[in-house]
């Protein structure tokens, strides 16, 4: 386990020197000020893939950008870190009070975060050369839940998803198969690994995946799909955390999938 996280730490430190500065983006949605950090693609002359990344409950866009680092892992992409608003936790007993985060269910909080996403994507399309066939979502914990919610409510927008430490809630109506990479920690106590295994199984059923997976690297398993929507998993030995080693896997997975026009 120590070797696993040492390699992940070294990989993260090797990218520090490549760090770029984000462009703040401010919108007003239903009378509420909303914020995001945007890393423009290195080449504005061609259409760029778009990666939306969502922090966990209690996190923020700046720390999310520093920890996930998709802007340096995929400089050709338009990378967007959205900022959540004060939100109750799904686990009030463990996390009482309001912290920055995302709506958990469709219709909750007036769909404020779905509306924010819609408005932000429309603004990005006006400002940057967006490749509509290559739009992706990834998130950790509460951000992972929201990534699954986007799959449920905005499947026509996205080419693939990469939620981590999140689950498919009973209120989600997933009907359209989509490629998904789910990452999880076996020792996760906040979002129990067993519940995440159930979510992975549900995604495999929807996507028409094989029961038997094949190795695709350290901790990585690929389940091929009869519907062109594979499920990939990255299972690490740690707890409720974002493992730096998963960042390159997510970028690789996204690069392999685009949405049919």
C-alpha atoms as a PDB file:
ATOM      1  CA  UNK A   1       0.000   0.000   0.000  1.00  0.00           C
ATOM      2  CA  UNK A   2       2.838   2.421   0.848  1.00  0.00           C
ATOM      3  CA  UNK A   3       4.462   1.811  -2.529  1.00  0.00           C
ATOM      4  CA  UNK A   4       1.121   2.448  -4.294  1.00  0.00           C
ATOM      5  CA  UNK A   5       0.662   5.887  -2.720  1.00  0.00           C
ATOM      6  CA  UNK A   6       4.364   6.784  -3.039  1.00  0.00           C
ATOM      7  CA  UNK A   7       4.160   6.258  -6.801  1.00  0.00           C
ATOM      8  CA  UNK A   8       0.970   8.323  -6.922  1.00  0.00           C
ATOM      9  CA  UNK A   9       2.615  11.150  -4.941  1.00  0.00           C
ATOM     10  CA  UNK A  10       5.663  11.201  -7.193  1.00  0.00           C
ATOM     11  CA  UNK A  11       3.432  11.358 -10.251  1.00  0.00           C
ATOM     12  CA  UNK A  12       1.563  14.328  -8.793  1.00  0.00           C
ATOM     13  CA  UNK A  13       4.756  16.172  -7.808  1.00  0.00           C
ATOM     14  CA  UNK A  14       6.220  15.719 -11.283  1.00  0.00           C
ATOM     15  CA  UNK A  15       3.386  17.856 -12.682  1.00  0.00           C
ATOM     16  CA  UNK A  16       3.688  20.767 -10.247  1.00  0.00           C
ATOM     17  CA  UNK A  17       6.085  22.651 -12.486  1.00  0.00           C
ATOM     18  CA  UNK A  18       3.555  22.531 -15.318  1.00  0.00           C
ATOM     19  CA  UNK A  19       0.844  24.324 -13.302  1.00  0.00           C
ATOM     20  CA  UNK A  20      -1.193  26.911 -15.210  1.00  0.00           C
ATOM     21  CA  UNK A  21      -3.361  29.763 -14.011  1.00  0.00           C
ATOM     22  CA  UNK A  22      -7.156  29.469 -14.362  1.00  0.00           C
ATOM     23  CA  UNK A  23      -9.582  32.031 -15.740  1.00  0.00           C
ATOM     24  CA  UNK A  24     -12.340  32.839 -13.179  1.00  0.00           C
ATOM     25  CA  UNK A  25     -15.847  32.709 -14.626  1.00  0.00           C
ATOM     26  CA  UNK A  26     -18.788  34.305 -12.803  1.00  0.00           C
ATOM     27  CA  UNK A  27     -22.451  33.771 -13.686  1.00  0.00           C
ATOM     28  CA  UNK A  28     -25.768  34.665 -12.104  1.00  0.00           C
ATOM     29  CA  UNK A  29     -28.252  31.787 -12.171  1.00  0.00           C
ATOM     30  CA  UNK A  30     -31.762  32.345 -10.790  1.00  0.00           C
ATOM     31  CA  UNK A  31     -30.456  35.460  -9.062  1.00  0.00           C
ATOM     32  CA  UNK A  32     -27.586  33.592  -7.333  1.00  0.00           C
ATOM     33  CA  UNK A  33     -23.912  34.318  -8.024  1.00  0.00           C
ATOM     34  CA  UNK A  34     -22.083  31.204  -9.213  1.00  0.00           C
ATOM     35  CA  UNK A  35     -18.371  30.704  -9.852  1.00  0.00           C
ATOM     36  CA  UNK A  36     -16.067  28.393 -11.762  1.00  0.00           C
ATOM     37  CA  UNK A  37     -12.367  28.132 -12.581  1.00  0.00           C
ATOM     38  CA  UNK A  38     -11.675  27.568 -16.270  1.00  0.00           C
ATOM     39  CA  UNK A  39      -8.431  26.385 -17.823  1.00  0.00           C
ATOM     40  CA  UNK A  40      -8.577  27.212 -21.558  1.00  0.00           C
ATOM     41  CA  UNK A  41      -7.100  24.715 -24.017  1.00  0.00           C
ATOM     42  CA  UNK A  42      -3.582  25.370 -25.243  1.00  0.00           C
ATOM     43  CA  UNK A  43      -4.798  25.535 -28.844  1.00  0.00           C
ATOM     44  CA  UNK A  44      -7.765  27.834 -29.478  1.00  0.00           C
ATOM     45  CA  UNK A  45      -7.656  27.264 -33.228  1.00  0.00           C
ATOM     46  CA  UNK A  46      -9.343  23.848 -33.076  1.00  0.00           C
ATOM     47  CA  UNK A  47     -12.353  22.464 -31.238  1.00  0.00           C
ATOM     48  CA  UNK A  48     -11.419  21.286 -27.761  1.00  0.00           C
ATOM     49  CA  UNK A  49     -12.753  18.502 -25.537  1.00  0.00           C
ATOM     50  CA  UNK A  50     -14.314  19.730 -22.287  1.00  0.00           C
ATOM     51  CA  UNK A  51     -13.804  18.191 -18.838  1.00  0.00           C
ATOM     52  CA  UNK A  52     -16.118  19.234 -15.995  1.00  0.00           C
ATOM     53  CA  UNK A  53     -14.704  18.304 -12.579  1.00  0.00           C
ATOM     54  CA  UNK A  54     -16.701  18.464  -9.336  1.00  0.00           C
ATOM     55  CA  UNK A  55     -15.280  18.695  -5.814  1.00  0.00           C
ATOM     56  CA  UNK A  56     -16.594  16.743  -2.858  1.00  0.00           C
ATOM     57  CA  UNK A  57     -18.812  18.005  -0.023  1.00  0.00           C
ATOM     58  CA  UNK A  58     -16.864  20.652   1.870  1.00  0.00           C
ATOM     59  CA  UNK A  59     -14.345  21.153  -0.927  1.00  0.00           C
ATOM     60  CA  UNK A  60     -13.849  23.977  -3.378  1.00  0.00           C
ATOM     61  CA  UNK A  61     -12.910  24.541  -6.997  1.00  0.00           C
ATOM     62  CA  UNK A  62      -9.375  25.750  -6.290  1.00  0.00           C
ATOM     63  CA  UNK A  63      -8.355  22.736  -4.213  1.00  0.00           C
ATOM     64  CA  UNK A  64     -10.081  20.480  -6.713  1.00  0.00           C
ATOM     65  CA  UNK A  65      -7.977  21.978  -9.527  1.00  0.00           C
ATOM     66  CA  UNK A  66      -4.797  21.477  -7.529  1.00  0.00           C
ATOM     67  CA  UNK A  67      -5.611  17.892  -6.565  1.00  0.00           C
ATOM     68  CA  UNK A  68      -7.115  16.572  -9.797  1.00  0.00           C
ATOM     69  CA  UNK A  69      -4.830  18.534 -12.131  1.00  0.00           C
ATOM     70  CA  UNK A  70      -6.596  17.607 -15.379  1.00  0.00           C
ATOM     71  CA  UNK A  71      -5.460  20.884 -16.939  1.00  0.00           C
ATOM     72  CA  UNK A  72      -1.846  19.707 -16.943  1.00  0.00           C
ATOM     73  CA  UNK A  73      -2.634  16.076 -17.665  1.00  0.00           C
ATOM     74  CA  UNK A  74      -4.637  17.093 -20.751  1.00  0.00           C
ATOM     75  CA  UNK A  75      -3.555  20.621 -21.808  1.00  0.00           C
ATOM     76  CA  UNK A  76      -5.443  20.388 -25.111  1.00  0.00           C
ATOM     77  CA  UNK A  77      -8.741  20.162 -23.199  1.00  0.00           C
ATOM     78  CA  UNK A  78     -10.946  22.909 -21.803  1.00  0.00           C
ATOM     79  CA  UNK A  79     -11.023  22.013 -18.102  1.00  0.00           C
ATOM     80  CA  UNK A  80     -13.700  23.434 -15.813  1.00  0.00           C
ATOM     81  CA  UNK A  81     -13.843  23.257 -12.009  1.00  0.00           C
ATOM     82  CA  UNK A  82     -17.259  24.414 -10.808  1.00  0.00           C
ATOM     83  CA  UNK A  83     -17.803  25.785  -7.289  1.00  0.00           C
ATOM     84  CA  UNK A  84     -20.600  24.346  -5.192  1.00  0.00           C
ATOM     85  CA  UNK A  85     -22.892  26.189  -2.758  1.00  0.00           C
ATOM     86  CA  UNK A  86     -23.740  25.429   0.901  1.00  0.00           C
ATOM     87  CA  UNK A  87     -25.430  22.041   0.832  1.00  0.00           C
ATOM     88  CA  UNK A  88     -26.561  19.504   3.450  1.00  0.00           C
ATOM     89  CA  UNK A  89     -24.771  16.179   3.431  1.00  0.00           C
ATOM     90  CA  UNK A  90     -26.419  12.869   2.565  1.00  0.00           C
ATOM     91  CA  UNK A  91     -24.949  11.719   5.887  1.00  0.00           C
ATOM     92  CA  UNK A  92     -26.090  14.413   8.323  1.00  0.00           C
ATOM     93  CA  UNK A  93     -25.076  12.335  11.350  1.00  0.00           C
ATOM     94  CA  UNK A  94     -21.479  12.151  10.100  1.00  0.00           C
ATOM     95  CA  UNK A  95     -21.344  15.580   8.427  1.00  0.00           C
ATOM     96  CA  UNK A  96     -23.799  17.981  10.128  1.00  0.00           C
ATOM     97  CA  UNK A  97     -24.378  21.494   8.815  1.00  0.00           C
ATOM     98  CA  UNK A  98     -24.035  23.044   5.384  1.00  0.00           C
ATOM     99  CA  UNK A  99     -20.862  22.848   3.301  1.00  0.00           C
ATOM    100  CA  UNK A 100     -20.058  23.629  -0.339  1.00  0.00           C
ATOM    101  CA  UNK A 101     -21.439  20.905  -2.559  1.00  0.00           C
ATOM    102  CA  UNK A 102     -24.005  19.772  -5.106  1.00  0.00           C
ATOM    103  CA  UNK A 103     -27.666  18.796  -5.184  1.00  0.00           C
ATOM    104  CA  UNK A 104     -28.149  15.095  -4.552  1.00  0.00           C
ATOM    105  CA  UNK A 105     -31.467  14.425  -6.274  1.00  0.00           C
ATOM    106  CA  UNK A 106     -33.314  15.618  -9.391  1.00  0.00           C
ATOM    107  CA  UNK A 107     -35.461  18.635  -8.484  1.00  0.00           C
ATOM    108  CA  UNK A 108     -33.704  19.195  -5.162  1.00  0.00           C
ATOM    109  CA  UNK A 109     -32.846  22.832  -4.303  1.00  0.00           C
ATOM    110  CA  UNK A 110     -34.696  23.971  -7.399  1.00  0.00           C
ATOM    111  CA  UNK A 111     -32.232  22.069  -9.608  1.00  0.00           C
ATOM    112  CA  UNK A 112     -29.821  24.927  -8.931  1.00  0.00           C
ATOM    113  CA  UNK A 113     -26.698  22.968  -9.918  1.00  0.00           C
ATOM    114  CA  UNK A 114     -28.169  21.462 -13.069  1.00  0.00           C
ATOM    115  CA  UNK A 115     -29.179  24.999 -14.081  1.00  0.00           C
ATOM    116  CA  UNK A 116     -25.670  26.247 -13.270  1.00  0.00           C
ATOM    117  CA  UNK A 117     -24.173  23.535 -15.437  1.00  0.00           C
ATOM    118  CA  UNK A 118     -26.509  24.380 -18.336  1.00  0.00           C
ATOM    119  CA  UNK A 119     -25.723  28.100 -18.112  1.00  0.00           C
ATOM    120  CA  UNK A 120     -21.994  27.522 -17.820  1.00  0.00           C
ATOM    121  CA  UNK A 121     -21.859  25.170 -20.791  1.00  0.00           C
ATOM    122  CA  UNK A 122     -23.790  27.687 -22.897  1.00  0.00           C
ATOM    123  CA  UNK A 123     -21.294  30.408 -21.910  1.00  0.00           C
ATOM    124  CA  UNK A 124     -18.309  28.199 -22.664  1.00  0.00           C
ATOM    125  CA  UNK A 125     -19.703  27.504 -26.124  1.00  0.00           C
ATOM    126  CA  UNK A 126     -19.799  31.251 -26.745  1.00  0.00           C
ATOM    127  CA  UNK A 127     -16.258  31.884 -25.538  1.00  0.00           C
ATOM    128  CA  UNK A 128     -14.320  28.810 -26.639  1.00  0.00           C
ATOM    129  CA  UNK A 129     -14.247  26.313 -29.542  1.00  0.00           C
ATOM    130  CA  UNK A 130     -16.092  23.469 -27.783  1.00  0.00           C
ATOM    131  CA  UNK A 131     -16.136  20.006 -29.326  1.00  0.00           C
ATOM    132  CA  UNK A 132     -19.702  18.904 -28.556  1.00  0.00           C
ATOM    133  CA  UNK A 133     -18.803  15.283 -29.284  1.00  0.00           C
ATOM    134  CA  UNK A 134     -16.237  15.236 -26.460  1.00  0.00           C
ATOM    135  CA  UNK A 135     -17.757  16.601 -23.249  1.00  0.00           C
ATOM    136  CA  UNK A 136     -16.991  14.713 -20.027  1.00  0.00           C
ATOM    137  CA  UNK A 137     -17.800  14.813 -16.305  1.00  0.00           C
ATOM    138  CA  UNK A 138     -15.832  13.569 -13.336  1.00  0.00           C
ATOM    139  CA  UNK A 139     -16.155  14.171  -9.624  1.00  0.00           C
ATOM    140  CA  UNK A 140     -15.259  12.912  -6.178  1.00  0.00           C
ATOM    141  CA  UNK A 141     -17.681  11.924  -3.383  1.00  0.00           C
ATOM    142  CA  UNK A 142     -20.590  14.410  -3.552  1.00  0.00           C
ATOM    143  CA  UNK A 143     -19.096  15.417  -6.908  1.00  0.00           C
ATOM    144  CA  UNK A 144     -19.230  11.752  -7.908  1.00  0.00           C
ATOM    145  CA  UNK A 145     -22.938  11.632  -7.012  1.00  0.00           C
ATOM    146  CA  UNK A 146     -23.475  14.739  -9.136  1.00  0.00           C
ATOM    147  CA  UNK A 147     -21.627  13.158 -12.060  1.00  0.00           C
ATOM    148  CA  UNK A 148     -24.089  10.263 -11.908  1.00  0.00           C
ATOM    149  CA  UNK A 149     -26.959  12.778 -11.670  1.00  0.00           C
ATOM    150  CA  UNK A 150     -25.683  14.425 -14.865  1.00  0.00           C
ATOM    151  CA  UNK A 151     -25.672  10.998 -16.522  1.00  0.00           C
ATOM    152  CA  UNK A 152     -29.297  10.636 -15.447  1.00  0.00           C
ATOM    153  CA  UNK A 153     -30.525  14.106 -16.472  1.00  0.00           C
ATOM    154  CA  UNK A 154     -28.142  15.206 -19.266  1.00  0.00           C
ATOM    155  CA  UNK A 155     -27.036  11.999 -21.023  1.00  0.00           C
ATOM    156  CA  UNK A 156     -27.300  13.582 -24.478  1.00  0.00           C
ATOM    157  CA  UNK A 157     -24.569  16.089 -23.588  1.00  0.00           C
ATOM    158  CA  UNK A 158     -21.790  13.768 -22.437  1.00  0.00           C
ATOM    159  CA  UNK A 159     -19.477  11.288 -24.101  1.00  0.00           C
ATOM    160  CA  UNK A 160     -18.297   9.574 -20.879  1.00  0.00           C
ATOM    161  CA  UNK A 161     -18.202   9.880 -17.087  1.00  0.00           C
ATOM    162  CA  UNK A 162     -15.651   9.190 -14.327  1.00  0.00           C
ATOM    163  CA  UNK A 163     -17.251   9.370 -10.849  1.00  0.00           C
ATOM    164  CA  UNK A 164     -15.291   8.452  -7.749  1.00  0.00           C
ATOM    165  CA  UNK A 165     -16.434   7.550  -4.211  1.00  0.00           C
ATOM    166  CA  UNK A 166     -20.006   8.138  -5.371  1.00  0.00           C
ATOM    167  CA  UNK A 167     -23.136   6.073  -5.856  1.00  0.00           C
ATOM    168  CA  UNK A 168     -26.205   5.927  -8.089  1.00  0.00           C
ATOM    169  CA  UNK A 169     -29.098   7.068  -5.898  1.00  0.00           C
ATOM    170  CA  UNK A 170     -32.591   5.577  -6.088  1.00  0.00           C
ATOM    171  CA  UNK A 171     -33.965   8.831  -7.535  1.00  0.00           C
ATOM    172  CA  UNK A 172     -31.736   8.630 -10.614  1.00  0.00           C
ATOM    173  CA  UNK A 173     -33.270   7.354 -13.839  1.00  0.00           C
ATOM    174  CA  UNK A 174     -30.380   6.072 -15.935  1.00  0.00           C
ATOM    175  CA  UNK A 175     -31.668   5.004 -19.332  1.00  0.00           C
ATOM    176  CA  UNK A 176     -28.931   5.727 -21.880  1.00  0.00           C
ATOM    177  CA  UNK A 177     -25.737   3.614 -21.798  1.00  0.00           C
ATOM    178  CA  UNK A 178     -22.581   5.698 -21.441  1.00  0.00           C
ATOM    179  CA  UNK A 179     -18.913   4.761 -20.971  1.00  0.00           C
ATOM    180  CA  UNK A 180     -18.021   5.162 -17.303  1.00  0.00           C
ATOM    181  CA  UNK A 181     -14.890   4.810 -15.193  1.00  0.00           C
ATOM    182  CA  UNK A 182     -15.626   4.453 -11.477  1.00  0.00           C
ATOM    183  CA  UNK A 183     -12.805   4.769  -8.923  1.00  0.00           C
ATOM    184  CA  UNK A 184     -13.147   3.672  -5.295  1.00  0.00           C
ATOM    185  CA  UNK A 185     -11.204   2.816  -2.153  1.00  0.00           C
ATOM    186  CA  UNK A 186     -11.685  -0.554  -0.483  1.00  0.00           C
ATOM    187  CA  UNK A 187     -11.257   1.079   2.947  1.00  0.00           C
ATOM    188  CA  UNK A 188     -13.770   3.894   2.287  1.00  0.00           C
ATOM    189  CA  UNK A 189     -15.947   4.281   5.379  1.00  0.00           C
ATOM    190  CA  UNK A 190     -17.791   7.457   4.358  1.00  0.00           C
ATOM    191  CA  UNK A 191     -19.186   5.954   1.144  1.00  0.00           C
ATOM    192  CA  UNK A 192     -18.868   2.220   1.890  1.00  0.00           C
ATOM    193  CA  UNK A 193     -17.105   0.197  -0.783  1.00  0.00           C
ATOM    194  CA  UNK A 194     -19.984  -2.308  -0.804  1.00  0.00           C
ATOM    195  CA  UNK A 195     -22.417   0.398  -1.938  1.00  0.00           C
ATOM    196  CA  UNK A 196     -20.010   1.499  -4.622  1.00  0.00           C
ATOM    197  CA  UNK A 197     -19.760  -2.096  -5.820  1.00  0.00           C
ATOM    198  CA  UNK A 198     -23.557  -2.072  -6.190  1.00  0.00           C
ATOM    199  CA  UNK A 199     -23.314   1.104  -8.265  1.00  0.00           C
ATOM    200  CA  UNK A 200     -20.658  -0.456 -10.503  1.00  0.00           C
ATOM    201  CA  UNK A 201     -22.855  -3.529 -10.970  1.00  0.00           C
ATOM    202  CA  UNK A 202     -25.829  -1.324 -11.901  1.00  0.00           C
ATOM    203  CA  UNK A 203     -23.720   0.555 -14.455  1.00  0.00           C
ATOM    204  CA  UNK A 204     -22.539  -2.749 -15.943  1.00  0.00           C
ATOM    205  CA  UNK A 205     -26.138  -3.984 -16.286  1.00  0.00           C
ATOM    206  CA  UNK A 206     -27.301  -0.788 -17.982  1.00  0.00           C
ATOM    207  CA  UNK A 207     -24.325  -0.785 -20.347  1.00  0.00           C
ATOM    208  CA  UNK A 208     -24.659  -4.446 -21.279  1.00  0.00           C
ATOM    209  CA  UNK A 209     -21.230  -5.351 -19.919  1.00  0.00           C
ATOM    210  CA  UNK A 210     -19.692  -8.741 -19.398  1.00  0.00           C
ATOM    211  CA  UNK A 211     -19.656 -10.180 -15.889  1.00  0.00           C
ATOM    212  CA  UNK A 212     -15.970 -10.957 -16.147  1.00  0.00           C
ATOM    213  CA  UNK A 213     -13.541  -8.069 -16.417  1.00  0.00           C
ATOM    214  CA  UNK A 214     -10.028  -7.968 -17.769  1.00  0.00           C
ATOM    215  CA  UNK A 215      -7.003  -6.283 -16.248  1.00  0.00           C
ATOM    216  CA  UNK A 216      -6.102  -2.892 -17.718  1.00  0.00           C
ATOM    217  CA  UNK A 217      -3.310  -1.928 -15.324  1.00  0.00           C
ATOM    218  CA  UNK A 218      -2.570  -1.704 -11.601  1.00  0.00           C
ATOM    219  CA  UNK A 219      -5.936  -1.669  -9.827  1.00  0.00           C
ATOM    220  CA  UNK A 220      -7.747  -1.259 -13.150  1.00  0.00           C
ATOM    221  CA  UNK A 221     -10.417  -3.610 -14.562  1.00  0.00           C
ATOM    222  CA  UNK A 222     -12.253  -3.233 -17.879  1.00  0.00           C
ATOM    223  CA  UNK A 223     -15.737  -4.673 -18.505  1.00  0.00           C
ATOM    224  CA  UNK A 224     -16.484  -4.710 -22.220  1.00  0.00           C
ATOM    225  CA  UNK A 225     -19.918  -3.685 -23.428  1.00  0.00           C
ATOM    226  CA  UNK A 226     -22.282  -5.018 -26.097  1.00  0.00           C
ATOM    227  CA  UNK A 227     -23.648  -1.461 -26.407  1.00  0.00           C
ATOM    228  CA  UNK A 228     -20.391   0.372 -27.010  1.00  0.00           C
ATOM    229  CA  UNK A 229     -20.333   1.694 -23.439  1.00  0.00           C
ATOM    230  CA  UNK A 230     -17.655  -0.101 -21.403  1.00  0.00           C
ATOM    231  CA  UNK A 231     -17.327   0.163 -17.643  1.00  0.00           C
ATOM    232  CA  UNK A 232     -13.835   0.562 -16.234  1.00  0.00           C
ATOM    233  CA  UNK A 233     -12.952   0.504 -12.544  1.00  0.00           C
ATOM    234  CA  UNK A 234      -9.937   1.690 -10.592  1.00  0.00           C
ATOM    235  CA  UNK A 235      -9.910   0.182  -7.101  1.00  0.00           C
ATOM    236  CA  UNK A 236      -7.248   1.360  -4.676  1.00  0.00           C
ATOM    237  CA  UNK A 237      -6.515   0.111  -1.147  1.00  0.00           C
ATOM    238  CA  UNK A 238      -7.112   3.468   0.584  1.00  0.00           C
ATOM    239  CA  UNK A 239     -10.130   5.170   2.069  1.00  0.00           C
ATOM    240  CA  UNK A 240     -12.235   8.174   1.098  1.00  0.00           C
ATOM    241  CA  UNK A 241      -9.726  10.069  -1.010  1.00  0.00           C
ATOM    242  CA  UNK A 242      -8.850  11.083  -4.557  1.00  0.00           C
ATOM    243  CA  UNK A 243      -5.828   8.970  -5.581  1.00  0.00           C
ATOM    244  CA  UNK A 244      -3.509  10.990  -7.892  1.00  0.00           C
ATOM    245  CA  UNK A 245      -2.791   7.827  -9.881  1.00  0.00           C
ATOM    246  CA  UNK A 246      -6.359   7.844 -11.243  1.00  0.00           C
ATOM    247  CA  UNK A 247      -5.991  11.194 -13.043  1.00  0.00           C
ATOM    248  CA  UNK A 248      -4.029   9.851 -16.027  1.00  0.00           C
ATOM    249  CA  UNK A 249      -6.403   6.870 -16.256  1.00  0.00           C
ATOM    250  CA  UNK A 250      -9.411   9.179 -16.435  1.00  0.00           C
ATOM    251  CA  UNK A 251      -7.799  11.265 -19.184  1.00  0.00           C
ATOM    252  CA  UNK A 252      -6.887   8.119 -21.129  1.00  0.00           C
ATOM    253  CA  UNK A 253     -10.444   6.803 -20.739  1.00  0.00           C
ATOM    254  CA  UNK A 254     -11.980  10.089 -21.899  1.00  0.00           C
ATOM    255  CA  UNK A 255      -9.678  10.240 -24.928  1.00  0.00           C
ATOM    256  CA  UNK A 256     -10.937   6.798 -25.981  1.00  0.00           C
ATOM    257  CA  UNK A 257     -14.595   7.853 -26.104  1.00  0.00           C
ATOM    258  CA  UNK A 258     -16.528  10.443 -28.051  1.00  0.00           C
ATOM    259  CA  UNK A 259     -20.256  10.936 -28.495  1.00  0.00           C
ATOM    260  CA  UNK A 260     -21.909  10.026 -31.774  1.00  0.00           C
ATOM    261  CA  UNK A 261     -23.208  13.145 -33.565  1.00  0.00           C
END
